[in-house]
C-alpha atoms as a PDB file:
ATOM      1  CA  UNK A   1     -74.170-109.239-118.022  1.00  0.00           C
ATOM      2  CA  UNK A   2     -71.057-107.159-117.474  1.00  0.00           C
ATOM      3  CA  UNK A   3     -71.603-107.033-113.745  1.00  0.00           C
ATOM      4  CA  UNK A   4     -71.746-110.833-113.555  1.00  0.00           C
ATOM      5  CA  UNK A   5     -68.488-111.204-115.462  1.00  0.00           C
ATOM      6  CA  UNK A   6     -66.875-108.519-113.313  1.00  0.00           C
ATOM      7  CA  UNK A   7     -68.034-110.301-110.172  1.00  0.00           C
ATOM      8  CA  UNK A   8     -66.657-113.642-111.387  1.00  0.00           C
ATOM      9  CA  UNK A   9     -63.380-112.033-112.447  1.00  0.00           C
ATOM     10  CA  UNK A  10     -63.026-110.303-109.074  1.00  0.00           C
ATOM     11  CA  UNK A  11     -63.766-113.573-107.256  1.00  0.00           C
ATOM     12  CA  UNK A  12     -61.050-115.405-109.149  1.00  0.00           C
ATOM     13  CA  UNK A  13     -58.601-112.543-108.618  1.00  0.00           C
ATOM     14  CA  UNK A  14     -59.279-112.500-104.892  1.00  0.00           C
ATOM     15  CA  UNK A  15     -58.767-116.281-104.736  1.00  0.00           C
ATOM     16  CA  UNK A  16     -55.526-115.968-106.676  1.00  0.00           C
ATOM     17  CA  UNK A  17     -54.248-113.192-104.411  1.00  0.00           C
ATOM     18  CA  UNK A  18     -55.311-114.884-101.169  1.00  0.00           C
ATOM     19  CA  UNK A  19     -52.327-116.793 -99.804  1.00  0.00           C
ATOM     20  CA  UNK A  20     -53.986-118.114 -96.650  1.00  0.00           C
ATOM     21  CA  UNK A  21     -55.655-121.105 -98.266  1.00  0.00           C
ATOM     22  CA  UNK A  22     -58.929-120.742 -96.385  1.00  0.00           C
ATOM     23  CA  UNK A  23     -61.145-120.565 -99.438  1.00  0.00           C
ATOM     24  CA  UNK A  24     -59.472-123.329-101.406  1.00  0.00           C
ATOM     25  CA  UNK A  25     -60.879-126.219 -99.393  1.00  0.00           C
ATOM     26  CA  UNK A  26     -64.391-124.776 -99.500  1.00  0.00           C
ATOM     27  CA  UNK A  27     -64.120-124.208-103.239  1.00  0.00           C
ATOM     28  CA  UNK A  28     -62.788-127.716-103.813  1.00  0.00           C
ATOM     29  CA  UNK A  29     -65.643-129.235-101.820  1.00  0.00           C
ATOM     30  CA  UNK A  30     -68.228-127.215-103.764  1.00  0.00           C
ATOM     31  CA  UNK A  31     -66.727-128.335-107.070  1.00  0.00           C
ATOM     32  CA  UNK A  32     -66.647-131.952-105.910  1.00  0.00           C
ATOM     33  CA  UNK A  33     -70.289-131.826-104.812  1.00  0.00           C
ATOM     34  CA  UNK A  34     -71.366-130.292-108.133  1.00  0.00           C
ATOM     35  CA  UNK A  35     -69.465-132.942-110.104  1.00  0.00           C
ATOM     36  CA  UNK A  36     -70.972-135.798-108.087  1.00  0.00           C
ATOM     37  CA  UNK A  37     -74.509-134.424-108.349  1.00  0.00           C
ATOM     38  CA  UNK A  38     -74.043-133.798-112.091  1.00  0.00           C
ATOM     39  CA  UNK A  39     -72.805-137.348-112.632  1.00  0.00           C
ATOM     40  CA  UNK A  40     -75.782-138.718-110.722  1.00  0.00           C
ATOM     41  CA  UNK A  41     -78.210-136.658-112.791  1.00  0.00           C
ATOM     42  CA  UNK A  42     -76.572-137.833-116.019  1.00  0.00           C
ATOM     43  CA  UNK A  43     -76.756-141.442-114.824  1.00  0.00           C
ATOM     44  CA  UNK A  44     -80.458-141.090-114.023  1.00  0.00           C
ATOM     45  CA  UNK A  45     -81.162-139.407-117.359  1.00  0.00           C
ATOM     46  CA  UNK A  46     -79.209-142.064-119.224  1.00  0.00           C
ATOM     47  CA  UNK A  47     -81.238-144.793-117.518  1.00  0.00           C
ATOM     48  CA  UNK A  48     -84.538-142.993-118.169  1.00  0.00           C
ATOM     49  CA  UNK A  49     -83.882-141.929-121.776  1.00  0.00           C
ATOM     50  CA  UNK A  50     -81.079-144.014-123.341  1.00  0.00           C
ATOM     51  CA  UNK A  51     -82.072-143.072-126.908  1.00  0.00           C
ATOM     52  CA  UNK A  52     -81.398-139.409-126.221  1.00  0.00           C
ATOM     53  CA  UNK A  53     -77.766-139.995-125.292  1.00  0.00           C
ATOM     54  CA  UNK A  54     -77.070-142.542-128.029  1.00  0.00           C
ATOM     55  CA  UNK A  55     -78.338-140.077-130.635  1.00  0.00           C
ATOM     56  CA  UNK A  56     -76.217-137.304-129.154  1.00  0.00           C
ATOM     57  CA  UNK A  57     -73.094-139.471-129.101  1.00  0.00           C
ATOM     58  CA  UNK A  58     -73.651-140.512-132.723  1.00  0.00           C
ATOM     59  CA  UNK A  59     -74.076-136.892-133.837  1.00  0.00           C
ATOM     60  CA  UNK A  60     -70.984-135.663-131.990  1.00  0.00           C
ATOM     61  CA  UNK A  61     -68.790-138.543-133.139  1.00  0.00           C
ATOM     62  CA  UNK A  62     -70.046-138.072-136.699  1.00  0.00           C
ATOM     63  CA  UNK A  63     -68.975-134.442-136.627  1.00  0.00           C
ATOM     64  CA  UNK A  64     -65.620-135.207-135.040  1.00  0.00           C
ATOM     65  CA  UNK A  65     -64.613-137.846-137.595  1.00  0.00           C
ATOM     66  CA  UNK A  66     -64.210-135.185-140.291  1.00  0.00           C
ATOM     67  CA  UNK A  67     -61.826-133.032-138.224  1.00  0.00           C
ATOM     68  CA  UNK A  68     -58.075-133.320-138.748  1.00  0.00           C
ATOM     69  CA  UNK A  69     -56.209-132.065-135.709  1.00  0.00           C
ATOM     70  CA  UNK A  70     -52.700-132.410-137.088  1.00  0.00           C
ATOM     71  CA  UNK A  71     -51.883-131.119-140.587  1.00  0.00           C
END
């Protein structure tokens, strides 16, 4: 577990220290692809099992109504 966190930390540090900009476009494209694929999977799941998401939304909104953000 520690080696994974060290690897992730070192990756982010190397990206932060790299001033060339070579890795930024690749990283942005990977993030964009993951977001698009994730949205498509959620859309398919929502069409296949709409009761699952409506129950989840009701539970989350029910928990959030009792939270006061500002005192």
